[in-house]
C-alpha cells in the first residue's frame, strides 16, 4: 500500500466496518453477561431481555407490526434459503419459483440446485438500466407459483426494484413474496406493516453490525417450515443456541441506522453524485444501472476499453478499496451475470468498477479518489495505446 495516502474504503456493499458503538454493546455478552437465553435462572432471563430489546430495535427499523416477526439467523444467505425452501414445502400444490436474472448468488445458486429436483423457475429479465420487466413478472405468476423472490436493490448497480408493488401482484396470484433486502436495510426507509411482503432477508454486516448474524422477517400468519431444526429457539423457527453477542450487535446497529437514516442518506447521496459526476467528466466511461432510482451510496462505473481488475489493482496500491462490478464466484473470465443481463456494451463490460459509500465517507476522501483514479485511467489508456492487444488475465474471485 502506498504510504502517501490514508486508506479509503469504498466497498461498503461488500461489507461495512463494525461501528465502535456496536462493538461496545456486544463486549459484555462475551464475558460478563454470558448466560443462555433459554435458561430459566437469572443469568438466562437477563439475556432473554437483551435479545428482546434487540428484536424490537430491528422491528422498528423494518417497520414491522410485531417483534415476533423477526427470526434471527446467521445472515442473508441462510435467510434466503429458509424463505424459499419453506415456501416450496408449505404452499401445497405449488412448485414453481419466480425470480430475476440479477439476484445474488444466494438466490440463483439455490434455484439452480432446485431445478435438478424438478422445481421450475421463471427468471425475469431486466433492461439496459437494470430495471425489471414488470409485465414479464406479472405473466410468470400462476396457480403453481409457490414464491416470488425479488431483491429490493441490486448489490452491483444499486438499482431499486418496486418490491412492494410486486408483492401485491404475488399475493393476488396466491403466492408468497420474499425479498433479499440485504443492501437496502439502513440505506432506504421501509415500512413492512403496510406492504404485502411476506418474508425479507437482511444481514448485520451490511449496516455496520457484526458478521455472522442476520434475520428473516416473517409476516405474522405466514406458514413456515424451519431450515434448521433443534430446540425451541426463535419460536421453533430456527434451532440452535442463539448468537447472543451477534444479536445484540445487530440490534444496536439497527438502532443507530434508524437514527442516521434520513440525514445520512441525503448526505451520502450527494457525495456519491459528487464522485460519479467528477469521474464521468474526467474519464471515458458510463454510469451503470437506473441512475434515477438506486441506492444513495452506490455508483457502478464502466470504463470503456479498460479492464476493471487493472483499475482495482492500482486503486488498491494507492490505498483505495473499491470492487469489480463483477463479484465472480468461479474465477472464470465470464463478466458479471448482472451486467450481462443488462446487455452492457462489449467495450465496457469488463471495465466496471463499483464504488459504495457509507456514513463514514468524507468529501476529502471522494475528492482524493477522483484525483487518483483520473491518473490511473490516463496511465492505463496510454499503456493500452502502446500495447493494443494485451493478454487478458482471469479476474480474481471477490465476495
Protein backbone atom coordinates (compact mmCIF):
# COMPACT_ATOMS: atom_id res chain seq x y z
CA UNK A 1 0.00 0.00 0.00
CA UNK A 2 1.29 3.46 -0.90
CA UNK A 3 2.01 5.25 2.37
CA UNK A 4 1.35 8.61 0.70
CA UNK A 5 -2.36 8.01 1.07
CA UNK A 6 -4.57 7.39 4.06
CA UNK A 7 -6.61 4.24 3.31
CA UNK A 8 -10.03 4.95 1.83
CA UNK A 9 -12.77 2.33 1.95
CA UNK A 10 -15.43 2.46 -0.77
CA UNK A 11 -16.58 -1.15 -0.79
CA UNK A 12 -19.45 -0.93 1.66
CA UNK A 13 -21.79 -3.08 -0.42
CA UNK A 14 -19.40 -5.96 0.26
CA UNK A 15 -19.23 -5.27 3.99
CA UNK A 16 -19.14 -2.35 6.40
CA UNK A 17 -16.88 -1.55 9.32
CA UNK A 18 -18.45 -2.63 12.61
CA UNK A 19 -19.43 0.58 14.37
CA UNK A 20 -17.42 1.10 17.61
CA UNK A 21 -20.71 1.64 19.47
CA UNK A 22 -21.90 -1.75 18.21
CA UNK A 23 -18.73 -3.41 19.41
CA UNK A 24 -19.04 -1.80 22.85
CA UNK A 25 -22.61 -3.04 23.12
CA UNK A 26 -21.52 -6.58 22.26
CA UNK A 27 -18.48 -6.95 24.51
CA UNK A 28 -20.24 -7.62 27.86
CA UNK A 29 -22.12 -10.52 26.29
CA UNK A 30 -18.89 -12.44 25.74
CA UNK A 31 -17.74 -12.37 29.38
CA UNK A 32 -19.97 -10.67 31.95
CA UNK A 33 -23.46 -11.40 30.57
CA UNK A 34 -22.80 -14.86 29.18
CA UNK A 35 -25.97 -16.75 30.07
CA UNK A 36 -28.06 -18.87 27.73
CA UNK A 37 -31.30 -17.08 26.82
CA UNK A 38 -33.20 -20.37 27.17
CA UNK A 39 -32.14 -20.90 30.79
CA UNK A 40 -34.72 -20.13 33.48
CA UNK A 41 -32.31 -18.70 36.07
CA UNK A 42 -31.32 -15.05 36.40
CA UNK A 43 -28.34 -15.37 34.04
CA UNK A 44 -30.67 -16.58 31.29
CA UNK A 45 -33.60 -14.24 31.88
CA UNK A 46 -31.28 -11.24 31.73
CA UNK A 47 -30.05 -12.39 28.32
CA UNK A 48 -33.57 -13.06 27.09
CA UNK A 49 -34.46 -9.48 27.96
CA UNK A 50 -31.49 -8.13 26.00
CA UNK A 51 -32.42 -10.28 22.99
CA UNK A 52 -35.97 -8.92 23.18
CA UNK A 53 -34.66 -5.35 23.14
CA UNK A 54 -32.53 -6.09 20.07
CA UNK A 55 -35.52 -7.66 18.34
CA UNK A 56 -37.61 -4.56 18.98
CA UNK A 57 -34.86 -2.31 17.62
CA UNK A 58 -34.83 -4.27 14.39
CA UNK A 59 -38.63 -4.30 14.30
CA UNK A 60 -38.56 -0.50 14.48
CA UNK A 61 -36.06 -0.18 11.63
CA UNK A 62 -38.10 -2.52 9.42
CA UNK A 63 -41.46 -1.00 10.30
CA UNK A 64 -42.73 -4.47 11.22
CA UNK A 65 -46.03 -4.79 13.04
CA UNK A 66 -44.80 -7.30 15.65
CA UNK A 67 -41.43 -8.08 17.20
CA UNK A 68 -42.08 -11.83 16.90
CA UNK A 69 -42.00 -11.40 13.11
CA UNK A 70 -38.19 -11.19 13.44
CA UNK A 71 -36.32 -14.50 13.27
CA UNK A 72 -32.57 -14.26 13.93
CA UNK A 73 -30.36 -16.24 11.53
CA UNK A 74 -26.68 -16.45 10.60
CA UNK A 75 -27.10 -13.92 7.78
CA UNK A 76 -28.66 -13.14 4.43
CA UNK A 77 -27.79 -16.43 2.74
CA UNK A 78 -29.45 -18.54 5.42
CA UNK A 79 -32.49 -16.29 5.43
CA UNK A 80 -32.82 -16.51 1.63
CA UNK A 81 -32.56 -20.29 1.68
CA UNK A 82 -35.02 -20.61 4.57
CA UNK A 83 -37.62 -18.43 2.85
CA UNK A 84 -37.60 -20.22 -0.49
CA UNK A 85 -37.36 -23.76 0.84
CA UNK A 86 -40.13 -23.12 3.33
CA UNK A 87 -42.47 -21.78 0.65
CA UNK A 88 -41.96 -24.85 -1.51
CA UNK A 89 -42.93 -27.03 1.46
CA UNK A 90 -45.85 -25.05 2.87
CA UNK A 91 -47.58 -23.98 -0.36
CA UNK A 92 -49.27 -27.26 -1.19
CA UNK A 93 -49.76 -27.93 -4.91
CA UNK A 94 -47.34 -25.15 -5.86
CA UNK A 95 -43.85 -26.00 -7.08
CA UNK A 96 -42.68 -23.02 -9.13
CA UNK A 97 -40.46 -20.03 -8.30
CA UNK A 98 -40.36 -16.60 -9.90
CA UNK A 99 -37.14 -14.62 -9.53
CA UNK A 100 -34.88 -12.31 -11.55
CA UNK A 101 -31.77 -12.59 -13.67
CA UNK A 102 -29.81 -10.24 -11.42
CA UNK A 103 -30.31 -11.82 -7.98
CA UNK A 104 -27.43 -12.52 -5.61
CA UNK A 105 -25.84 -15.95 -5.89
CA UNK A 106 -27.52 -16.86 -2.58
CA UNK A 107 -30.75 -16.99 -4.59
CA UNK A 108 -29.59 -18.03 -8.06
CA UNK A 109 -27.38 -20.90 -6.89
CA UNK A 110 -30.23 -22.25 -4.78
CA UNK A 111 -32.76 -22.18 -7.62
CA UNK A 112 -30.23 -23.86 -9.91
CA UNK A 113 -29.94 -26.67 -7.38
CA UNK A 114 -33.71 -26.88 -7.02
CA UNK A 115 -34.05 -27.19 -10.79
CA UNK A 116 -32.20 -30.51 -10.58
CA UNK A 117 -35.07 -31.71 -8.33
CA UNK A 118 -37.74 -30.70 -10.82
CA UNK A 119 -38.58 -27.28 -9.42
CA UNK A 120 -39.40 -24.88 -12.25
CA UNK A 121 -38.05 -21.34 -12.05
CA UNK A 122 -39.18 -18.35 -14.10
CA UNK A 123 -36.24 -15.93 -14.38
CA UNK A 124 -37.44 -12.42 -15.19
CA UNK A 125 -35.14 -10.23 -17.34
CA UNK A 126 -34.06 -6.64 -16.82
CA UNK A 127 -33.46 -3.83 -19.30
CA UNK A 128 -30.22 -1.98 -20.05
CA UNK A 129 -30.62 0.10 -16.87
CA UNK A 130 -31.20 -2.96 -14.70
CA UNK A 131 -34.94 -2.33 -14.33
CA UNK A 132 -37.20 -5.34 -14.01
CA UNK A 133 -39.64 -6.30 -16.77
CA UNK A 134 -42.74 -5.96 -14.60
CA UNK A 135 -45.11 -7.32 -17.24
CA UNK A 136 -42.99 -10.45 -17.61
CA UNK A 137 -43.12 -10.82 -13.83
CA UNK A 138 -46.89 -10.47 -13.86
CA UNK A 139 -47.31 -13.12 -16.56
CA UNK A 140 -44.91 -15.54 -14.84
CA UNK A 141 -47.14 -15.72 -11.78
CA UNK A 142 -49.63 -18.55 -11.91
CA UNK A 143 -51.52 -21.21 -9.98
CA UNK A 144 -48.33 -23.21 -9.44
CA UNK A 145 -46.21 -20.32 -8.16
CA UNK A 146 -45.12 -21.02 -4.58
CA UNK A 147 -42.95 -17.95 -4.12
CA UNK A 148 -41.65 -14.93 -5.95
CA UNK A 149 -38.25 -13.72 -4.74
CA UNK A 150 -37.01 -10.33 -5.93
CA UNK A 151 -34.13 -8.36 -4.42
CA UNK A 152 -35.05 -4.92 -3.11
CA UNK A 153 -31.92 -3.33 -4.56
CA UNK A 154 -29.16 -4.77 -6.70
CA UNK A 155 -25.81 -5.18 -4.99
CA UNK A 156 -23.78 -4.24 -8.09
CA UNK A 157 -25.66 -1.28 -9.56
CA UNK A 158 -27.82 -0.15 -6.64
CA UNK A 159 -30.92 -0.25 -8.86
CA UNK A 160 -34.06 -0.39 -6.71
CA UNK A 161 -36.93 -2.68 -7.66
CA UNK A 162 -40.64 -1.93 -6.95
CA UNK A 163 -40.92 -4.81 -4.50
CA UNK A 164 -43.99 -3.53 -2.69
CA UNK A 165 -45.92 -3.43 -5.96
CA UNK A 166 -44.54 -6.82 -7.00
CA UNK A 167 -45.55 -8.27 -3.62
CA UNK A 168 -49.11 -7.19 -4.28
CA UNK A 169 -49.09 -9.00 -7.63
CA UNK A 170 -47.76 -12.15 -5.99
CA UNK A 171 -50.40 -12.04 -3.26
CA UNK A 172 -53.15 -11.66 -5.85
CA UNK A 173 -51.82 -14.81 -7.54
CA UNK A 174 -51.88 -16.73 -4.25
CA UNK A 175 -48.08 -16.88 -3.99
CA UNK A 176 -45.74 -15.82 -1.21
CA UNK A 177 -43.37 -12.91 -1.80
CA UNK A 178 -39.81 -12.72 -0.49
CA UNK A 179 -37.22 -10.01 -0.94
CA UNK A 180 -33.48 -10.08 -0.39
CA UNK A 181 -33.15 -6.67 1.23
CA UNK A 182 -29.54 -7.03 2.36
CA UNK A 183 -28.41 -3.86 0.54
CA UNK A 184 -31.43 -1.72 1.46
CA UNK A 185 -31.68 -2.04 5.24
CA UNK A 186 -30.32 1.09 6.88
CA UNK A 187 -29.98 2.85 3.50
CA UNK A 188 -33.61 3.36 2.49
CA UNK A 189 -36.69 3.77 4.72
CA UNK A 190 -39.10 0.82 4.66
CA UNK A 191 -42.40 0.06 6.36
CA UNK A 192 -43.27 -3.63 6.19
CA UNK A 193 -46.54 -3.45 8.09
CA UNK A 194 -48.08 -1.52 5.19
CA UNK A 195 -46.76 -3.84 2.48
CA UNK A 196 -47.68 -7.27 1.09
CA UNK A 197 -44.15 -8.60 1.61
CA UNK A 198 -44.30 -11.96 3.39
CA UNK A 199 -40.58 -12.55 4.01
CA UNK A 200 -37.46 -10.39 3.94
CA UNK A 201 -33.77 -11.21 4.40
CA UNK A 202 -31.09 -8.99 5.92
CA UNK A 203 -27.52 -9.21 7.18
CA UNK A 204 -25.96 -7.19 10.01
CA UNK A 205 -22.57 -6.66 8.42
CA UNK A 206 -24.11 -4.52 5.67
CA UNK A 207 -25.27 -1.91 8.21
CA UNK A 208 -22.19 -1.60 10.41
CA UNK A 209 -23.02 -4.63 12.53
CA UNK A 210 -21.01 -7.82 13.04
CA UNK A 211 -20.62 -10.66 10.55
CA UNK A 212 -22.35 -14.00 11.09
CA UNK A 213 -25.72 -12.64 12.17
CA UNK A 214 -28.81 -11.64 10.23
CA UNK A 215 -32.55 -12.02 10.29
CA UNK A 216 -35.57 -13.22 8.38
CA UNK A 217 -38.70 -11.13 8.61
CA UNK A 218 -41.66 -13.50 8.62
CA UNK A 219 -45.05 -11.83 8.41
CA UNK A 220 -47.45 -12.95 11.12
CA UNK A 221 -49.64 -15.77 9.83
CA UNK A 222 -47.21 -16.91 7.12
CA UNK A 223 -46.77 -20.66 7.27
CA UNK A 224 -43.12 -21.56 7.81
CA UNK A 225 -41.03 -24.70 7.90
CA UNK A 226 -37.62 -24.25 9.59
CA UNK A 227 -34.41 -24.71 7.66
CA UNK A 228 -32.54 -25.61 10.86
CA UNK A 229 -34.26 -27.91 13.34
CA UNK A 230 -33.34 -28.17 17.00
CA UNK A 231 -34.67 -26.69 20.19
CA UNK A 232 -37.42 -24.17 20.84
CA UNK A 233 -35.31 -21.11 20.00
CA UNK A 234 -36.89 -18.38 17.85
CA UNK A 235 -40.34 -19.85 18.50
CA UNK A 236 -39.17 -23.13 16.97
CA UNK A 237 -38.43 -21.42 13.68
CA UNK A 238 -34.62 -21.62 13.88
CA UNK A 239 -32.98 -24.20 16.12
CA UNK A 240 -29.67 -23.74 17.90
CA UNK A 241 -28.35 -21.66 20.78
CA UNK A 242 -28.62 -18.02 19.81
CA UNK A 243 -25.58 -15.99 18.80
CA UNK A 244 -26.19 -13.57 21.65
CA UNK A 245 -23.31 -11.11 21.04
CA UNK A 246 -24.23 -11.04 17.35
CA UNK A 247 -27.91 -10.41 18.09
CA UNK A 248 -27.02 -7.59 20.46
CA UNK A 249 -24.73 -6.15 17.78
CA UNK A 250 -27.46 -6.33 15.14
CA UNK A 251 -29.90 -4.67 17.49
CA UNK A 252 -27.51 -1.82 18.21
CA UNK A 253 -26.67 -1.43 14.51
CA UNK A 254 -30.41 -1.24 13.75
CA UNK A 255 -30.86 1.40 16.44
CA UNK A 256 -28.03 3.52 15.03
CA UNK A 257 -29.25 3.05 11.45
CA UNK A 258 -32.72 4.28 12.39
CA UNK A 259 -31.22 7.42 13.95
CA UNK A 260 -28.96 8.16 10.97
CA UNK A 261 -31.17 7.10 8.10
CA UNK A 262 -32.76 10.31 6.87
CA UNK A 263 -29.90 12.81 7.32
CA UNK A 264 -27.21 10.39 6.17
CA UNK A 265 -28.96 9.08 3.05
CA UNK A 266 -29.17 12.66 1.75
CA UNK A 267 -25.53 13.42 2.58
CA UNK A 268 -24.25 10.11 1.19
CA UNK A 269 -26.30 10.58 -1.98
CA UNK A 270 -24.72 13.99 -2.52
CA UNK A 271 -21.24 12.53 -2.01
CA UNK A 272 -21.98 9.69 -4.43
CA UNK A 273 -23.13 12.22 -7.05
CA UNK A 274 -20.01 14.31 -6.49
CA UNK A 275 -17.82 11.25 -7.03
CA UNK A 276 -19.71 9.97 -10.05
CA UNK A 277 -20.02 13.30 -11.86
CA UNK A 278 -16.32 14.01 -11.46
CA UNK A 279 -15.38 10.57 -12.78
CA UNK A 280 -17.75 10.88 -15.75
CA UNK A 281 -16.31 14.31 -16.53
CA UNK A 282 -12.67 13.22 -16.36
CA UNK A 283 -12.78 9.73 -17.89
CA UNK A 284 -14.32 7.98 -20.90
CA UNK A 285 -16.90 5.92 -19.05
CA UNK A 286 -20.57 5.39 -18.31
CA UNK A 287 -22.68 5.01 -15.17
CA UNK A 288 -24.50 1.69 -14.97
CA UNK A 289 -27.92 0.96 -13.52
CA UNK A 290 -31.01 3.09 -13.06
CA UNK A 291 -29.33 6.34 -12.06
CA UNK A 292 -32.69 7.93 -11.19
CA UNK A 293 -33.78 5.13 -8.86
CA UNK A 294 -30.94 3.49 -6.95
CA UNK A 295 -29.33 3.28 -3.56
CA UNK A 296 -27.82 6.61 -2.48
CA UNK A 297 -24.45 5.05 -1.73
CA UNK A 298 -23.77 3.11 -4.94
CA UNK A 299 -22.07 4.08 -8.20
CA UNK A 300 -21.05 1.48 -10.78
CA UNK A 301 -18.85 2.99 -13.48
CA UNK A 302 -17.85 1.14 -16.65
CA UNK A 303 -14.61 2.35 -18.24
CA UNK A 304 -14.58 1.79 -21.98
CA UNK A 305 -11.80 -0.44 -23.36
CA UNK A 306 -10.21 -0.97 -19.93
CA UNK A 307 -10.14 -3.91 -17.50
CA UNK A 308 -11.84 -3.24 -14.20
CA UNK A 309 -9.41 -5.58 -12.49
CA UNK A 310 -6.46 -3.40 -13.51
CA UNK A 311 -8.18 -0.30 -12.15
CA UNK A 312 -8.99 -2.05 -8.87
CA UNK A 313 -5.37 -3.22 -8.59
CA UNK A 314 -3.96 0.30 -8.99
CA UNK A 315 -6.55 1.80 -6.66
CA UNK A 316 -5.60 -0.76 -4.05
CA UNK A 317 -1.92 0.15 -4.39
CA UNK A 318 -2.97 3.74 -3.69
CA UNK A 319 -4.81 2.67 -0.55
CA UNK A 320 -8.31 2.85 -2.04
CA UNK A 321 -10.73 -0.07 -1.74
CA UNK A 322 -13.37 -0.46 -4.43
CA UNK A 323 -14.59 -3.59 -6.18
CA UNK A 324 -15.23 -5.12 -9.57
CA UNK A 325 -18.70 -4.72 -10.97
CA UNK A 326 -18.48 -8.49 -11.15
CA UNK A 327 -18.46 -10.35 -7.87
CA UNK A 328 -17.27 -13.54 -9.54
CA UNK A 329 -17.81 -16.88 -7.91
CA UNK A 330 -15.91 -19.24 -10.15
CA UNK A 331 -12.66 -17.50 -11.12
CA UNK A 332 -13.79 -17.75 -14.75
CA UNK A 333 -13.30 -14.98 -17.27
CA UNK A 334 -17.06 -14.52 -17.60
CA UNK A 335 -18.22 -10.98 -16.84
CA UNK A 336 -20.77 -10.31 -14.11
CA UNK A 337 -24.13 -12.02 -14.63
CA UNK A 338 -25.78 -8.73 -13.67
CA UNK A 339 -24.01 -6.73 -16.35
CA UNK A 340 -24.61 -9.44 -18.94
CA UNK A 341 -28.30 -9.45 -18.06
CA UNK A 342 -28.29 -5.68 -18.68
CA UNK A 343 -26.59 -6.13 -22.08
CA UNK A 344 -23.81 -3.71 -21.19
CA UNK A 345 -21.84 -2.95 -24.40
CA UNK A 346 -18.92 -5.30 -25.00
CA UNK A 347 -16.36 -2.46 -24.87
CA UNK A 348 -17.47 -1.57 -21.34
CA UNK A 349 -18.47 -4.97 -19.98
CA UNK A 350 -15.13 -5.80 -18.35
CA UNK A 351 -14.36 -2.28 -17.25
CA UNK A 352 -16.96 -1.95 -14.48
CA UNK A 353 -15.88 -0.73 -11.04
CA UNK A 354 -18.28 -0.39 -8.11
CA UNK A 355 -17.86 2.37 -5.55
CA UNK A 356 -20.08 2.02 -2.47
CA UNK A 357 -20.02 4.67 0.25
CA UNK A 358 -21.15 4.80 3.87
CA UNK A 359 -21.88 7.40 6.53
CA UNK A 360 -18.15 7.33 7.30
CA UNK A 361 -17.18 8.56 3.80
CA UNK A 362 -15.98 12.17 3.62
CA UNK A 363 -15.76 14.87 0.94
CA UNK A 364 -11.97 14.76 1.21
CA UNK A 365 -11.95 11.03 0.53
CA UNK A 366 -14.19 11.40 -2.50
CA UNK A 367 -12.00 14.13 -3.98
CA UNK A 368 -8.88 12.08 -3.34
CA UNK A 369 -10.39 9.08 -5.13
CA UNK A 370 -11.22 11.24 -8.15
CA UNK A 371 -7.67 12.59 -8.35
CA UNK A 372 -6.07 9.17 -8.03
CA UNK A 373 -8.50 7.44 -10.37
CA UNK A 374 -8.06 10.04 -13.10
CA UNK A 375 -4.32 9.39 -13.12
CA UNK A 376 -4.79 5.62 -13.11
CA UNK A 377 -7.18 5.68 -16.05
CA UNK A 378 -4.95 8.03 -18.04
CA UNK A 379 -1.93 5.77 -17.48
CA UNK A 380 -3.86 2.61 -18.41
CA UNK A 381 -5.14 4.22 -21.59
CA UNK A 382 -1.61 5.28 -22.50
CA UNK A 383 -0.40 1.72 -21.93
CA UNK A 384 -3.31 0.38 -23.98
CA UNK A 385 -2.30 2.56 -26.92
CA UNK A 386 1.24 1.22 -26.74
CA UNK A 387 0.05 -2.40 -26.38
CA UNK A 388 -3.36 -2.54 -28.09
CA UNK A 389 -3.86 -6.31 -27.60
CA UNK A 390 -2.71 -7.14 -24.05
CA UNK A 391 -3.12 -10.66 -22.79
CA UNK A 392 -6.21 -10.80 -20.59
CA UNK A 393 -5.95 -12.39 -17.21
CA UNK A 394 -8.68 -14.19 -15.38
CA UNK A 395 -10.23 -11.95 -12.69
CA UNK A 396 -9.67 -12.81 -9.07
CA UNK A 397 -12.63 -14.00 -7.07
CA UNK A 398 -14.22 -11.47 -4.76
CA UNK A 399 -17.20 -11.61 -2.46
